[in-house]
Amino acid sequence: MDNILDGFPITGAACCVVLSQGSTPSEIWTLTRIETLSNSDEGRLASLWRETRGKSIEITTKDLCDALIIATQVIDLDIRSAENPNKELFIEDGELIERRSI
């Protein structure tokens, strides 16, 4: 099966598909880094970027996907499940680096 995150660009919608298939809407994630491109001035993505500068935050799958869905490209995303530290998704410079247990 092809990995939806192997294509370029990696979109927020693709990340949401992976997250929704591999977790529950209420699962808590530790978000360490997020940087995206978007055609919208939706404030939630910008807010997440500001909130994670220099620190991590906790966010549910649903809240993360509500923000990510409009991203035309995910440049950086570093998340790890707070409930299962072996479950992670790491995208850097627009490329999938690590996807475990999702």
C-alpha atoms as a PDB file:
ATOM      1  CA  MET A   1       0.000   0.000   0.000  1.00  0.00           C
ATOM      2  CA  ASP A   2       1.321   3.440  -0.886  1.00  0.00           C
ATOM      3  CA  ASN A   3       1.984   5.785   1.971  1.00  0.00           C
ATOM      4  CA  ILE A   4      -0.143   8.921   1.591  1.00  0.00           C
ATOM      5  CA  LEU A   5       2.729  10.898   3.137  1.00  0.00           C
ATOM      6  CA  ASP A   6       5.264   9.859   0.475  1.00  0.00           C
ATOM      7  CA  GLY A   7       3.987  12.361  -2.080  1.00  0.00           C
ATOM      8  CA  PHE A   8       5.031  15.963  -2.483  1.00  0.00           C
ATOM      9  CA  PRO A   9       3.883  18.191  -1.109  1.00  0.00           C
ATOM     10  CA  ILE A  10       2.707  16.602   2.112  1.00  0.00           C
ATOM     11  CA  THR A  11      -0.598  18.333   2.784  1.00  0.00           C
ATOM     12  CA  GLY A  12      -2.391  18.943   6.039  1.00  0.00           C
ATOM     13  CA  ALA A  13      -5.285  16.859   4.707  1.00  0.00           C
ATOM     14  CA  ALA A  14      -2.924  13.895   4.151  1.00  0.00           C
ATOM     15  CA  CYS A  15      -1.636  14.210   7.713  1.00  0.00           C
ATOM     16  CA  CYS A  16      -5.225  14.290   8.968  1.00  0.00           C
ATOM     17  CA  VAL A  17      -6.066  11.085   7.085  1.00  0.00           C
ATOM     18  CA  VAL A  18      -3.116   9.328   8.718  1.00  0.00           C
ATOM     19  CA  LEU A  19      -3.944  10.696  12.167  1.00  0.00           C
ATOM     20  CA  SER A  20      -7.652   9.880  11.921  1.00  0.00           C
ATOM     21  CA  GLN A  21      -6.902   6.305  10.838  1.00  0.00           C
ATOM     22  CA  GLY A  22      -4.332   5.754  13.573  1.00  0.00           C
ATOM     23  CA  SER A  23      -5.845   7.514  16.566  1.00  0.00           C
ATOM     24  CA  THR A  24      -9.051   8.695  18.171  1.00  0.00           C
ATOM     25  CA  PRO A  25     -10.315  12.292  17.942  1.00  0.00           C
ATOM     26  CA  SER A  26      -9.683  12.742  21.665  1.00  0.00           C
ATOM     27  CA  GLU A  27      -6.164  11.308  21.726  1.00  0.00           C
ATOM     28  CA  ILE A  28      -3.702  13.789  23.202  1.00  0.00           C
ATOM     29  CA  TRP A  29      -0.548  14.649  21.259  1.00  0.00           C
ATOM     30  CA  THR A  30       2.533  16.555  22.315  1.00  0.00           C
ATOM     31  CA  LEU A  31       3.143  19.048  19.521  1.00  0.00           C
ATOM     32  CA  THR A  32       6.735  20.229  19.488  1.00  0.00           C
ATOM     33  CA  ARG A  33       6.959  21.892  16.107  1.00  0.00           C
ATOM     34  CA  ILE A  34       4.629  22.928  13.304  1.00  0.00           C
ATOM     35  CA  GLU A  35       5.233  24.989  10.194  1.00  0.00           C
ATOM     36  CA  THR A  36       2.904  25.004   7.206  1.00  0.00           C
ATOM     37  CA  LEU A  37       1.920  26.852   4.072  1.00  0.00           C
ATOM     38  CA  SER A  38      -1.697  27.755   3.457  1.00  0.00           C
ATOM     39  CA  ASN A  39      -3.819  29.787   1.057  1.00  0.00           C
ATOM     40  CA  SER A  40      -5.958  30.960   3.958  1.00  0.00           C
ATOM     41  CA  ASP A  41      -5.397  33.436   6.734  1.00  0.00           C
ATOM     42  CA  GLU A  42      -6.920  30.962   9.163  1.00  0.00           C
ATOM     43  CA  GLY A  43      -5.519  32.007  12.503  1.00  0.00           C
ATOM     44  CA  ARG A  44      -5.325  28.582  14.158  1.00  0.00           C
ATOM     45  CA  LEU A  45      -2.294  27.405  12.175  1.00  0.00           C
ATOM     46  CA  ALA A  46      -0.429  30.631  12.908  1.00  0.00           C
ATOM     47  CA  SER A  47      -1.460  30.376  16.533  1.00  0.00           C
ATOM     48  CA  LEU A  48      -0.098  26.825  16.816  1.00  0.00           C
ATOM     49  CA  TRP A  49       3.177  27.957  15.245  1.00  0.00           C
ATOM     50  CA  ARG A  50       3.488  30.786  17.798  1.00  0.00           C
ATOM     51  CA  GLU A  51       2.509  28.543  20.713  1.00  0.00           C
ATOM     52  CA  THR A  52       5.187  25.966  19.898  1.00  0.00           C
ATOM     53  CA  ARG A  53       8.097  28.364  19.452  1.00  0.00           C
ATOM     54  CA  GLY A  54      10.544  27.143  22.061  1.00  0.00           C
ATOM     55  CA  LYS A  55       8.106  24.836  23.842  1.00  0.00           C
ATOM     56  CA  SER A  56       5.719  21.935  23.379  1.00  0.00           C
ATOM     57  CA  ILE A  57       1.960  21.985  23.782  1.00  0.00           C
ATOM     58  CA  GLU A  58      -0.670  19.280  24.167  1.00  0.00           C
ATOM     59  CA  ILE A  59      -3.449  19.056  21.596  1.00  0.00           C
ATOM     60  CA  THR A  60      -6.128  16.532  20.637  1.00  0.00           C
ATOM     61  CA  THR A  61      -6.205  14.805  17.260  1.00  0.00           C
ATOM     62  CA  LYS A  62      -9.416  16.668  16.428  1.00  0.00           C
ATOM     63  CA  ASP A  63      -8.043  20.107  17.290  1.00  0.00           C
ATOM     64  CA  LEU A  64      -4.818  19.455  15.412  1.00  0.00           C
ATOM     65  CA  CYS A  65      -6.672  18.243  12.325  1.00  0.00           C
ATOM     66  CA  ASP A  66      -9.129  21.143  12.489  1.00  0.00           C
ATOM     67  CA  ALA A  67      -6.114  23.436  12.064  1.00  0.00           C
ATOM     68  CA  LEU A  68      -4.033  21.267   9.707  1.00  0.00           C
ATOM     69  CA  ILE A  69      -6.806  20.544   7.204  1.00  0.00           C
ATOM     70  CA  ILE A  70      -6.257  23.866   5.405  1.00  0.00           C
ATOM     71  CA  ALA A  71      -2.473  23.491   5.070  1.00  0.00           C
ATOM     72  CA  THR A  72      -1.451  23.176   1.425  1.00  0.00           C
ATOM     73  CA  GLN A  73       1.974  21.991   2.560  1.00  0.00           C
ATOM     74  CA  VAL A  74       3.329  20.736   5.867  1.00  0.00           C
ATOM     75  CA  ILE A  75       6.929  21.846   6.154  1.00  0.00           C
ATOM     76  CA  ASP A  76       7.603  20.756   9.744  1.00  0.00           C
ATOM     77  CA  LEU A  77       5.463  18.684  12.084  1.00  0.00           C
ATOM     78  CA  ASP A  78       6.728  16.940  15.183  1.00  0.00           C
ATOM     79  CA  ILE A  79       4.085  15.169  17.251  1.00  0.00           C
ATOM     80  CA  ARG A  80       4.176  12.288  19.695  1.00  0.00           C
ATOM     81  CA  SER A  81       1.250  10.667  21.450  1.00  0.00           C
ATOM     82  CA  ALA A  82       1.099  11.640  25.115  1.00  0.00           C
ATOM     83  CA  GLU A  83      -0.607   8.290  25.766  1.00  0.00           C
ATOM     84  CA  ASN A  84       1.883   6.151  23.812  1.00  0.00           C
ATOM     85  CA  PRO A  85       5.352   7.733  23.333  1.00  0.00           C
ATOM     86  CA  ASN A  86       6.185   5.144  20.650  1.00  0.00           C
ATOM     87  CA  LYS A  87       3.495   6.687  18.445  1.00  0.00           C
ATOM     88  CA  GLU A  88       4.896   9.608  16.486  1.00  0.00           C
ATOM     89  CA  LEU A  89       4.839  11.568  13.263  1.00  0.00           C
ATOM     90  CA  PHE A  90       7.833  13.672  12.252  1.00  0.00           C
ATOM     91  CA  ILE A  91       8.007  15.720   9.063  1.00  0.00           C
ATOM     92  CA  GLU A  92      10.985  17.986   8.432  1.00  0.00           C
ATOM     93  CA  ASP A  93      11.670  20.265   5.466  1.00  0.00           C
ATOM     94  CA  GLY A  94       8.556  18.865   3.775  1.00  0.00           C
ATOM     95  CA  GLU A  95       9.712  15.237   3.933  1.00  0.00           C
ATOM     96  CA  LEU A  96       8.443  12.362   6.043  1.00  0.00           C
ATOM     97  CA  ILE A  97      11.240  11.458   8.468  1.00  0.00           C
ATOM     98  CA  GLU A  98       9.454   9.201  10.945  1.00  0.00           C
ATOM     99  CA  ARG A  99       6.031   7.595  11.197  1.00  0.00           C
ATOM    100  CA  ARG A 100       5.683   5.031  13.970  1.00  0.00           C
ATOM    101  CA  SER A 101       2.589   3.197  15.203  1.00  0.00           C
ATOM    102  CA  ILE A 102       0.179   5.470  13.352  1.00  0.00           C
END
